[in-house]
Amino acid sequence: MTKRVRIENANMSDTKVIVQVWEKNYPEGKPDSLVREIPLDYPCATAGDDVYLTSNRYLVVKVA
């Protein structure tokens, strides 16, 4: 199952946000792979329609 999500930098300050898209690697014991990083550098910036979750994919949202 694929689940699209919307992530927005809704803060009106100069704070920047980074969205990381990670893919779980199998077999176990291998480190997960960073697929891409999406900078949200300004207020109202959103991650695109290609940001989605699956059983093997997860997102990390952090302050830059």
PDB file of N, CA and C in Angstrom:
ATOM      1  N   MET A   1       0.833  -1.166   0.000  1.00  0.00           N
ATOM      2  CA  MET A   1       0.000   0.000   0.000  1.00  0.00           C
ATOM      3  C   MET A   1       0.886   1.240   0.000  1.00  0.00           C
ATOM      4  N   THR A   2       0.552   2.215  -0.816  1.00  0.00           N
ATOM      5  CA  THR A   2       1.279   3.466  -0.896  1.00  0.00           C
ATOM      6  C   THR A   2       0.420   4.584  -0.327  1.00  0.00           C
ATOM      7  N   LYS A   3       1.024   5.409   0.506  1.00  0.00           N
ATOM      8  CA  LYS A   3       0.301   6.512   1.133  1.00  0.00           C
ATOM      9  C   LYS A   3       1.036   7.815   0.853  1.00  0.00           C
ATOM     10  N   ARG A   4       0.435   8.698   0.060  1.00  0.00           N
ATOM     11  CA  ARG A   4       1.021  10.012  -0.185  1.00  0.00           C
ATOM     12  C   ARG A   4       0.741  10.908   1.005  1.00  0.00           C
ATOM     13  N   VAL A   5       1.703  11.760   1.335  1.00  0.00           N
ATOM     14  CA  VAL A   5       1.554  12.680   2.459  1.00  0.00           C
ATOM     15  C   VAL A   5       1.950  14.085   2.007  1.00  0.00           C
ATOM     16  N   ARG A   6       1.421  15.072   2.711  1.00  0.00           N
ATOM     17  CA  ARG A   6       1.769  16.462   2.426  1.00  0.00           C
ATOM     18  C   ARG A   6       2.542  17.002   3.621  1.00  0.00           C
ATOM     19  N   ILE A   7       3.712  17.559   3.363  1.00  0.00           N
ATOM     20  CA  ILE A   7       4.529  18.160   4.411  1.00  0.00           C
ATOM     21  C   ILE A   7       4.819  19.594   3.998  1.00  0.00           C
ATOM     22  N   GLU A   8       4.533  20.523   4.907  1.00  0.00           N
ATOM     23  CA  GLU A   8       4.688  21.953   4.616  1.00  0.00           C
ATOM     24  C   GLU A   8       5.480  22.622   5.732  1.00  0.00           C
ATOM     25  N   ASN A   9       6.343  23.562   5.353  1.00  0.00           N
ATOM     26  CA  ASN A   9       7.014  24.414   6.329  1.00  0.00           C
ATOM     27  C   ASN A   9       6.031  25.534   6.660  1.00  0.00           C
ATOM     28  N   ALA A  10       5.258  25.336   7.699  1.00  0.00           N
ATOM     29  CA  ALA A  10       4.194  26.278   8.047  1.00  0.00           C
ATOM     30  C   ALA A  10       4.646  27.329   9.048  1.00  0.00           C
ATOM     31  N   ASN A  11       5.923  27.369   9.366  1.00  0.00           N
ATOM     32  CA  ASN A  11       6.452  28.335  10.313  1.00  0.00           C
ATOM     33  C   ASN A  11       6.773  29.623   9.573  1.00  0.00           C
ATOM     34  N   MET A  12       6.368  30.752  10.100  1.00  0.00           N
ATOM     35  CA  MET A  12       6.596  32.033   9.429  1.00  0.00           C
ATOM     36  C   MET A  12       7.957  32.648   9.776  1.00  0.00           C
ATOM     37  N   SER A  13       8.809  31.933  10.495  1.00  0.00           N
ATOM     38  CA  SER A  13      10.139  32.436  10.831  1.00  0.00           C
ATOM     39  C   SER A  13      11.131  32.028   9.737  1.00  0.00           C
ATOM     40  N   ASP A  14      12.401  32.287   9.980  1.00  0.00           N
ATOM     41  CA  ASP A  14      13.453  31.921   9.022  1.00  0.00           C
ATOM     42  C   ASP A  14      13.891  30.464   9.160  1.00  0.00           C
ATOM     43  N   THR A  15      13.238  29.703  10.013  1.00  0.00           N
ATOM     44  CA  THR A  15      13.607  28.312  10.248  1.00  0.00           C
ATOM     45  C   THR A  15      13.382  27.487   8.988  1.00  0.00           C
ATOM     46  N   LYS A  16      14.388  26.700   8.630  1.00  0.00           N
ATOM     47  CA  LYS A  16      14.297  25.829   7.464  1.00  0.00           C
ATOM     48  C   LYS A  16      14.050  24.392   7.912  1.00  0.00           C
ATOM     49  N   VAL A  17      13.423  23.621   7.055  1.00  0.00           N
ATOM     50  CA  VAL A  17      13.064  22.233   7.349  1.00  0.00           C
ATOM     51  C   VAL A  17      13.644  21.344   6.252  1.00  0.00           C
ATOM     52  N   ILE A  18      14.060  20.156   6.626  1.00  0.00           N
ATOM     53  CA  ILE A  18      14.529  19.162   5.653  1.00  0.00           C
ATOM     54  C   ILE A  18      13.677  17.910   5.815  1.00  0.00           C
ATOM     55  N   VAL A  19      13.194  17.395   4.698  1.00  0.00           N
ATOM     56  CA  VAL A  19      12.466  16.131   4.672  1.00  0.00           C
ATOM     57  C   VAL A  19      13.386  15.096   4.040  1.00  0.00           C
ATOM     58  N   GLN A  20      13.655  14.023   4.768  1.00  0.00           N
ATOM     59  CA  GLN A  20      14.482  12.936   4.242  1.00  0.00           C
ATOM     60  C   GLN A  20      13.585  11.741   3.923  1.00  0.00           C
ATOM     61  N   VAL A  21      13.802  11.163   2.760  1.00  0.00           N
ATOM     62  CA  VAL A  21      13.083   9.962   2.349  1.00  0.00           C
ATOM     63  C   VAL A  21      14.057   8.796   2.465  1.00  0.00           C
ATOM     64  N   TRP A  22      13.695   7.811   3.289  1.00  0.00           N
ATOM     65  CA  TRP A  22      14.549   6.648   3.560  1.00  0.00           C
ATOM     66  C   TRP A  22      13.877   5.374   3.077  1.00  0.00           C
ATOM     67  N   GLU A  23      14.680   4.444   2.618  1.00  0.00           N
ATOM     68  CA  GLU A  23      14.214   3.128   2.168  1.00  0.00           C
ATOM     69  C   GLU A  23      14.869   2.073   3.055  1.00  0.00           C
ATOM     70  N   LYS A  24      14.047   1.184   3.621  1.00  0.00           N
ATOM     71  CA  LYS A  24      14.591   0.083   4.427  1.00  0.00           C
ATOM     72  C   LYS A  24      15.274  -0.914   3.506  1.00  0.00           C
ATOM     73  N   ASN A  25      16.435  -1.387   3.940  1.00  0.00           N
ATOM     74  CA  ASN A  25      17.172  -2.377   3.159  1.00  0.00           C
ATOM     75  C   ASN A  25      17.003  -3.748   3.783  1.00  0.00           C
ATOM     76  N   TYR A  26      16.768  -4.705   2.958  1.00  0.00           N
ATOM     77  CA  TYR A  26      16.657  -6.093   3.393  1.00  0.00           C
ATOM     78  C   TYR A  26      17.711  -6.885   2.660  1.00  0.00           C
ATOM     79  N   PRO A  27      18.318  -7.904   3.175  1.00  0.00           N
ATOM     80  CA  PRO A  27      18.009  -8.542   4.447  1.00  0.00           C
ATOM     81  C   PRO A  27      18.458  -7.677   5.617  1.00  0.00           C
ATOM     82  N   GLU A  28      17.981  -8.058   6.770  1.00  0.00           N
ATOM     83  CA  GLU A  28      18.302  -7.301   7.974  1.00  0.00           C
ATOM     84  C   GLU A  28      19.805  -7.244   8.190  1.00  0.00           C
ATOM     85  N   GLY A  29      20.226  -6.192   8.856  1.00  0.00           N
ATOM     86  CA  GLY A  29      21.641  -6.014   9.119  1.00  0.00           C
ATOM     87  C   GLY A  29      22.275  -4.987   8.207  1.00  0.00           C
ATOM     88  N   LYS A  30      21.656  -4.704   7.067  1.00  0.00           N
ATOM     89  CA  LYS A  30      22.172  -3.677   6.183  1.00  0.00           C
ATOM     90  C   LYS A  30      21.574  -2.336   6.586  1.00  0.00           C
ATOM     91  N   PRO A  31      22.352  -1.259   6.492  1.00  0.00           N
ATOM     92  CA  PRO A  31      21.806   0.050   6.861  1.00  0.00           C
ATOM     93  C   PRO A  31      20.772   0.530   5.842  1.00  0.00           C
ATOM     94  N   ASP A  32      19.823   1.333   6.315  1.00  0.00           N
ATOM     95  CA  ASP A  32      18.808   1.897   5.431  1.00  0.00           C
ATOM     96  C   ASP A  32      19.457   2.901   4.476  1.00  0.00           C
ATOM     97  N   SER A  33      18.820   3.127   3.326  1.00  0.00           N
ATOM     98  CA  SER A  33      19.359   4.012   2.297  1.00  0.00           C
ATOM     99  C   SER A  33      18.599   5.327   2.261  1.00  0.00           C
ATOM    100  N   LEU A  34      19.341   6.418   2.210  1.00  0.00           N
ATOM    101  CA  LEU A  34      18.742   7.730   2.026  1.00  0.00           C
ATOM    102  C   LEU A  34      18.441   7.901   0.548  1.00  0.00           C
ATOM    103  N   VAL A  35      17.161   8.016   0.197  1.00  0.00           N
ATOM    104  CA  VAL A  35      16.752   8.144  -1.203  1.00  0.00           C
ATOM    105  C   VAL A  35      16.956   9.573  -1.676  1.00  0.00           C
ATOM    106  N   ARG A  36      16.509  10.550  -0.847  1.00  0.00           N
ATOM    107  CA  ARG A  36      16.684  11.952  -1.203  1.00  0.00           C
ATOM    108  C   ARG A  36      16.364  12.852  -0.029  1.00  0.00           C
ATOM    109  N   GLU A  37      16.836  14.086  -0.123  1.00  0.00           N
ATOM    110  CA  GLU A  37      16.517  15.122   0.849  1.00  0.00           C
ATOM    111  C   GLU A  37      15.796  16.251   0.134  1.00  0.00           C
ATOM    112  N   ILE A  38      14.760  16.753   0.772  1.00  0.00           N
ATOM    113  CA  ILE A  38      13.970  17.836   0.193  1.00  0.00           C
ATOM    114  C   ILE A  38      14.038  19.013   1.150  1.00  0.00           C
ATOM    115  N   PRO A  39      14.724  20.096   0.762  1.00  0.00           N
ATOM    116  CA  PRO A  39      14.767  21.266   1.642  1.00  0.00           C
ATOM    117  C   PRO A  39      13.490  22.088   1.498  1.00  0.00           C
ATOM    118  N   LEU A  40      12.931  22.489   2.630  1.00  0.00           N
ATOM    119  CA  LEU A  40      11.792  23.407   2.647  1.00  0.00           C
ATOM    120  C   LEU A  40      12.317  24.687   3.275  1.00  0.00           C
ATOM    121  N   ASP A  41      12.857  25.558   2.441  1.00  0.00           N
ATOM    122  CA  ASP A  41      13.645  26.698   2.893  1.00  0.00           C
ATOM    123  C   ASP A  41      12.848  27.934   3.289  1.00  0.00           C
ATOM    124  N   TYR A  42      11.587  27.970   2.975  1.00  0.00           N
ATOM    125  CA  TYR A  42      10.811  29.178   3.258  1.00  0.00           C
ATOM    126  C   TYR A  42       9.395  28.811   3.684  1.00  0.00           C
ATOM    127  N   PRO A  43       8.690  29.740   4.340  1.00  0.00           N
ATOM    128  CA  PRO A  43       7.312  29.460   4.768  1.00  0.00           C
ATOM    129  C   PRO A  43       6.429  29.095   3.571  1.00  0.00           C
ATOM    130  N   CYS A  44       5.556  28.170   3.765  1.00  0.00           N
ATOM    131  CA  CYS A  44       4.611  27.649   2.772  1.00  0.00           C
ATOM    132  C   CYS A  44       5.258  26.737   1.734  1.00  0.00           C
ATOM    133  N   ALA A  45       6.553  26.446   1.842  1.00  0.00           N
ATOM    134  CA  ALA A  45       7.182  25.479   0.945  1.00  0.00           C
ATOM    135  C   ALA A  45       6.650  24.095   1.281  1.00  0.00           C
ATOM    136  N   THR A  46       6.338  23.305   0.266  1.00  0.00           N
ATOM    137  CA  THR A  46       5.826  21.961   0.491  1.00  0.00           C
ATOM    138  C   THR A  46       6.673  20.935  -0.248  1.00  0.00           C
ATOM    139  N   ALA A  47       6.701  19.740   0.295  1.00  0.00           N
ATOM    140  CA  ALA A  47       7.329  18.623  -0.400  1.00  0.00           C
ATOM    141  C   ALA A  47       6.394  18.209  -1.534  1.00  0.00           C
ATOM    142  N   GLY A  48       6.925  17.725  -2.633  1.00  0.00           N
ATOM    143  CA  GLY A  48       6.138  17.429  -3.823  1.00  0.00           C
ATOM    144  C   GLY A  48       5.244  16.206  -3.700  1.00  0.00           C
ATOM    145  N   ASP A  49       4.537  15.938  -4.779  1.00  0.00           N
ATOM    146  CA  ASP A  49       3.622  14.800  -4.829  1.00  0.00           C
ATOM    147  C   ASP A  49       4.348  13.458  -4.822  1.00  0.00           C
ATOM    148  N   ASP A  50       5.660  13.475  -5.022  1.00  0.00           N
ATOM    149  CA  ASP A  50       6.418  12.226  -5.040  1.00  0.00           C
ATOM    150  C   ASP A  50       6.892  11.798  -3.654  1.00  0.00           C
ATOM    151  N   VAL A  51       6.408  12.473  -2.608  1.00  0.00           N
ATOM    152  CA  VAL A  51       6.726  12.076  -1.227  1.00  0.00           C
ATOM    153  C   VAL A  51       5.620  11.145  -0.754  1.00  0.00           C
ATOM    154  N   TYR A  52       5.996   9.895  -0.492  1.00  0.00           N
ATOM    155  CA  TYR A  52       4.993   8.900  -0.101  1.00  0.00           C
ATOM    156  C   TYR A  52       5.605   7.862   0.823  1.00  0.00           C
ATOM    157  N   LEU A  53       4.746   7.136   1.499  1.00  0.00           N
ATOM    158  CA  LEU A  53       5.140   6.068   2.412  1.00  0.00           C
ATOM    159  C   LEU A  53       4.729   4.723   1.835  1.00  0.00           C
ATOM    160  N   THR A  54       5.543   3.720   2.104  1.00  0.00           N
ATOM    161  CA  THR A  54       5.197   2.340   1.787  1.00  0.00           C
ATOM    162  C   THR A  54       5.633   1.485   2.976  1.00  0.00           C
ATOM    163  N   SER A  55       5.490   0.187   2.862  1.00  0.00           N
ATOM    164  CA  SER A  55       5.927  -0.683   3.956  1.00  0.00           C
ATOM    165  C   SER A  55       7.450  -0.671   4.106  1.00  0.00           C
ATOM    166  N   ASN A  56       8.176  -0.238   3.069  1.00  0.00           N
ATOM    167  CA  ASN A  56       9.641  -0.198   3.103  1.00  0.00           C
ATOM    168  C   ASN A  56      10.199   1.210   3.118  1.00  0.00           C
ATOM    169  N   ARG A  57       9.355   2.226   3.096  1.00  0.00           N
ATOM    170  CA  ARG A  57       9.802   3.606   2.994  1.00  0.00           C
ATOM    171  C   ARG A  57       9.283   4.410   4.174  1.00  0.00           C
ATOM    172  N   TYR A  58      10.144   5.297   4.703  1.00  0.00           N
ATOM    173  CA  TYR A  58       9.723   6.172   5.780  1.00  0.00           C
ATOM    174  C   TYR A  58      10.344   7.552   5.601  1.00  0.00           C
ATOM    175  N   LEU A  59       9.824   8.534   6.328  1.00  0.00           N
ATOM    176  CA  LEU A  59      10.269   9.914   6.222  1.00  0.00           C
ATOM    177  C   LEU A  59      10.825  10.385   7.557  1.00  0.00           C
ATOM    178  N   VAL A  60      11.814  11.255   7.478  1.00  0.00           N
ATOM    179  CA  VAL A  60      12.348  11.936   8.644  1.00  0.00           C
ATOM    180  C   VAL A  60      12.233  13.428   8.358  1.00  0.00           C
ATOM    181  N   VAL A  61      11.595  14.171   9.270  1.00  0.00           N
ATOM    182  CA  VAL A  61      11.456  15.611   9.125  1.00  0.00           C
ATOM    183  C   VAL A  61      12.254  16.261  10.231  1.00  0.00           C
ATOM    184  N   LYS A  62      13.163  17.182   9.857  1.00  0.00           N
ATOM    185  CA  LYS A  62      14.004  17.801  10.863  1.00  0.00           C
ATOM    186  C   LYS A  62      14.267  19.263  10.541  1.00  0.00           C
ATOM    187  N   VAL A  63      14.679  20.000  11.540  1.00  0.00           N
ATOM    188  CA  VAL A  63      15.038  21.400  11.387  1.00  0.00           C
ATOM    189  C   VAL A  63      16.441  21.471  10.803  1.00  0.00           C
ATOM    190  N   ALA A  64      16.629  22.327   9.826  1.00  0.00           N
ATOM    191  CA  ALA A  64      17.944  22.453   9.181  1.00  0.00           C
ATOM    192  C   ALA A  64      18.866  23.324   9.991  1.00  0.00           C
TER     193      ALA A  64
END
